C-alpha atoms as a PDB file:
ATOM      1  CA  UNK A   1      84.547 127.172  87.961  1.00  0.00           C
ATOM      2  CA  UNK A   2      82.759 128.590  84.921  1.00  0.00           C
ATOM      3  CA  UNK A   3      84.018 126.885  81.778  1.00  0.00           C
ATOM      4  CA  UNK A   4      84.397 130.184  79.943  1.00  0.00           C
ATOM      5  CA  UNK A   5      87.271 131.032  82.312  1.00  0.00           C
ATOM      6  CA  UNK A   6      89.548 128.226  81.083  1.00  0.00           C
ATOM      7  CA  UNK A   7      90.508 129.949  77.827  1.00  0.00           C
ATOM      8  CA  UNK A   8      91.622 133.238  79.458  1.00  0.00           C
ATOM      9  CA  UNK A   9      93.559 131.229  82.039  1.00  0.00           C
ATOM     10  CA  UNK A  10      95.429 129.363  79.301  1.00  0.00           C
ATOM     11  CA  UNK A  11      96.208 132.638  77.532  1.00  0.00           C
ATOM     12  CA  UNK A  12      97.471 134.252  80.732  1.00  0.00           C
ATOM     13  CA  UNK A  13      99.631 131.259  81.623  1.00  0.00           C
ATOM     14  CA  UNK A  14     101.140 131.125  78.128  1.00  0.00           C
ATOM     15  CA  UNK A  15     101.843 134.875  78.222  1.00  0.00           C
ATOM     16  CA  UNK A  16     103.547 134.488  81.597  1.00  0.00           C
ATOM     17  CA  UNK A  17     105.767 131.673  80.362  1.00  0.00           C
ATOM     18  CA  UNK A  18     106.502 133.617  77.155  1.00  0.00           C
ATOM     19  CA  UNK A  19     107.830 136.483  79.283  1.00  0.00           C
ATOM     20  CA  UNK A  20     110.449 134.250  80.914  1.00  0.00           C
ATOM     21  CA  UNK A  21     111.288 131.841  78.085  1.00  0.00           C
ATOM     22  CA  UNK A  22     112.972 132.399  74.744  1.00  0.00           C
ATOM     23  CA  UNK A  23     112.453 128.862  73.418  1.00  0.00           C
ATOM     24  CA  UNK A  24     109.591 128.921  70.891  1.00  0.00           C
ATOM     25  CA  UNK A  25     109.313 125.117  70.831  1.00  0.00           C
ATOM     26  CA  UNK A  26     108.934 124.961  74.605  1.00  0.00           C
ATOM     27  CA  UNK A  27     106.301 127.698  74.486  1.00  0.00           C
ATOM     28  CA  UNK A  28     104.373 125.917  71.715  1.00  0.00           C
ATOM     29  CA  UNK A  29     104.500 122.664  73.697  1.00  0.00           C
ATOM     30  CA  UNK A  30     103.316 124.403  76.839  1.00  0.00           C
ATOM     31  CA  UNK A  31     100.463 126.091  74.953  1.00  0.00           C
ATOM     32  CA  UNK A  32      99.413 122.795  73.350  1.00  0.00           C
ATOM     33  CA  UNK A  33      99.482 120.809  76.592  1.00  0.00           C
ATOM     34  CA  UNK A  34      97.660 123.448  78.632  1.00  0.00           C
ATOM     35  CA  UNK A  35      95.013 123.823  75.906  1.00  0.00           C
ATOM     36  CA  UNK A  36      94.502 120.054  75.917  1.00  0.00           C
ATOM     37  CA  UNK A  37      94.087 119.997  79.696  1.00  0.00           C
ATOM     38  CA  UNK A  38      91.618 122.893  79.499  1.00  0.00           C
ATOM     39  CA  UNK A  39      89.539 121.072  76.866  1.00  0.00           C
ATOM     40  CA  UNK A  40      89.447 117.937  79.005  1.00  0.00           C
ATOM     41  CA  UNK A  41      88.370 119.945  82.052  1.00  0.00           C
ATOM     42  CA  UNK A  42      85.637 121.757  80.093  1.00  0.00           C
ATOM     43  CA  UNK A  43      84.309 118.398  78.911  1.00  0.00           C
ATOM     44  CA  UNK A  44      84.404 116.904  82.417  1.00  0.00           C
ATOM     45  CA  UNK A  45      82.625 119.910  83.912  1.00  0.00           C
ATOM     46  CA  UNK A  46      80.027 119.859  81.137  1.00  0.00           C
ATOM     47  CA  UNK A  47      79.289 116.150  81.459  1.00  0.00           C
ATOM     48  CA  UNK A  48      79.192 116.220  85.238  1.00  0.00           C
ATOM     49  CA  UNK A  49      77.011 119.327  85.488  1.00  0.00           C
ATOM     50  CA  UNK A  50      73.862 117.695  86.804  1.00  0.00           C
ATOM     51  CA  UNK A  51      71.239 119.613  88.746  1.00  0.00           C
ATOM     52  CA  UNK A  52      72.501 118.047  91.974  1.00  0.00           C
ATOM     53  CA  UNK A  53      76.106 119.123  91.308  1.00  0.00           C
ATOM     54  CA  UNK A  54      74.982 122.645  90.431  1.00  0.00           C
ATOM     55  CA  UNK A  55      72.970 122.800  93.653  1.00  0.00           C
ATOM     56  CA  UNK A  56      76.016 121.692  95.632  1.00  0.00           C
ATOM     57  CA  UNK A  57      78.053 124.476  94.049  1.00  0.00           C
ATOM     58  CA  UNK A  58      75.529 127.058  95.288  1.00  0.00           C
ATOM     59  CA  UNK A  59      75.654 125.549  98.814  1.00  0.00           C
ATOM     60  CA  UNK A  60      71.961 126.289  99.380  1.00  0.00           C
ATOM     61  CA  UNK A  61      69.691 123.771 101.021  1.00  0.00           C
ATOM     62  CA  UNK A  62      66.649 124.927  99.035  1.00  0.00           C
ATOM     63  CA  UNK A  63      68.477 124.524  95.711  1.00  0.00           C
ATOM     64  CA  UNK A  64      69.440 120.982  96.686  1.00  0.00           C
ATOM     65  CA  UNK A  65      65.866 120.112  97.674  1.00  0.00           C
ATOM     66  CA  UNK A  66      64.589 121.432  94.327  1.00  0.00           C
ATOM     67  CA  UNK A  67      67.220 119.474  92.399  1.00  0.00           C
ATOM     68  CA  UNK A  68      66.312 116.273  94.198  1.00  0.00           C
ATOM     69  CA  UNK A  69      62.570 116.860  93.820  1.00  0.00           C
ATOM     70  CA  UNK A  70      62.923 116.592  90.044  1.00  0.00           C
ATOM     71  CA  UNK A  71      64.468 113.109  90.225  1.00  0.00           C
ATOM     72  CA  UNK A  72      62.094 110.139  90.357  1.00  0.00           C
ATOM     73  CA  UNK A  73      61.556 108.862  93.886  1.00  0.00           C
ATOM     74  CA  UNK A  74      63.400 105.605  93.243  1.00  0.00           C
ATOM     75  CA  UNK A  75      66.473 107.406  91.882  1.00  0.00           C
ATOM     76  CA  UNK A  76      66.923 110.186  94.451  1.00  0.00           C
ATOM     77  CA  UNK A  77      69.394 108.235  96.536  1.00  0.00           C
ATOM     78  CA  UNK A  78      71.479 107.391  93.477  1.00  0.00           C
ATOM     79  CA  UNK A  79      71.478 111.074  92.435  1.00  0.00           C
ATOM     80  CA  UNK A  80      73.210 111.791  95.752  1.00  0.00           C
ATOM     81  CA  UNK A  81      75.500 108.797  95.861  1.00  0.00           C
ATOM     82  CA  UNK A  82      76.816 108.298  92.341  1.00  0.00           C
ATOM     83  CA  UNK A  83      77.389 110.396  89.229  1.00  0.00           C
ATOM     84  CA  UNK A  84      79.463 109.027  86.352  1.00  0.00           C
ATOM     85  CA  UNK A  85      81.541 111.194  84.037  1.00  0.00           C
ATOM     86  CA  UNK A  86      83.131 109.077  81.361  1.00  0.00           C
ATOM     87  CA  UNK A  87      84.812 106.236  83.234  1.00  0.00           C
ATOM     88  CA  UNK A  88      85.019 108.116  86.551  1.00  0.00           C
ATOM     89  CA  UNK A  89      82.392 108.090  89.293  1.00  0.00           C
ATOM     90  CA  UNK A  90      81.911 110.553  92.133  1.00  0.00           C
ATOM     91  CA  UNK A  91      79.571 110.772  95.089  1.00  0.00           C
ATOM     92  CA  UNK A  92      77.982 114.246  95.131  1.00  0.00           C
ATOM     93  CA  UNK A  93      77.102 113.847  98.821  1.00  0.00           C
ATOM     94  CA  UNK A  94      80.699 112.993  99.747  1.00  0.00           C
ATOM     95  CA  UNK A  95      81.994 115.821  97.548  1.00  0.00           C
ATOM     96  CA  UNK A  96      79.623 118.306  99.212  1.00  0.00           C
ATOM     97  CA  UNK A  97      80.815 117.296 102.659  1.00  0.00           C
ATOM     98  CA  UNK A  98      84.473 117.243 101.660  1.00  0.00           C
ATOM     99  CA  UNK A  99      84.324 120.659  99.979  1.00  0.00           C
ATOM    100  CA  UNK A 100      82.496 122.245 102.899  1.00  0.00           C
ATOM    101  CA  UNK A 101      79.095 122.694 101.205  1.00  0.00           C
ATOM    102  CA  UNK A 102      77.362 121.588 104.380  1.00  0.00           C
ATOM    103  CA  UNK A 103      74.091 123.414 103.661  1.00  0.00           C
ATOM    104  CA  UNK A 104      73.704 121.337 100.524  1.00  0.00           C
ATOM    105  CA  UNK A 105      74.694 118.155 102.343  1.00  0.00           C
ATOM    106  CA  UNK A 106      72.092 118.826 105.044  1.00  0.00           C
ATOM    107  CA  UNK A 107      69.271 118.718 102.478  1.00  0.00           C
END
């Protein structure tokens, strides 16, 4: 998901809730909480946007091979098996398989 889409989503969701709610405090709370979640997601996407993760998103075997070719030979396996974002870790290979990006996983 492109990070520039989070702000319009928040605006649209707030407008939708504003159409059905008359409580200004509830609307302000909803806007604040959704904006906070959007900021956290933008940060997580930005920090986890490695070349390998971007290649997985394209689901192209050639893009994955190019992304892995840049990594030093001793670190290629770790590029596929572990990426840390803050305190969370994810396996790009497992994520590719789970999300159906099988062309990327094949590389």
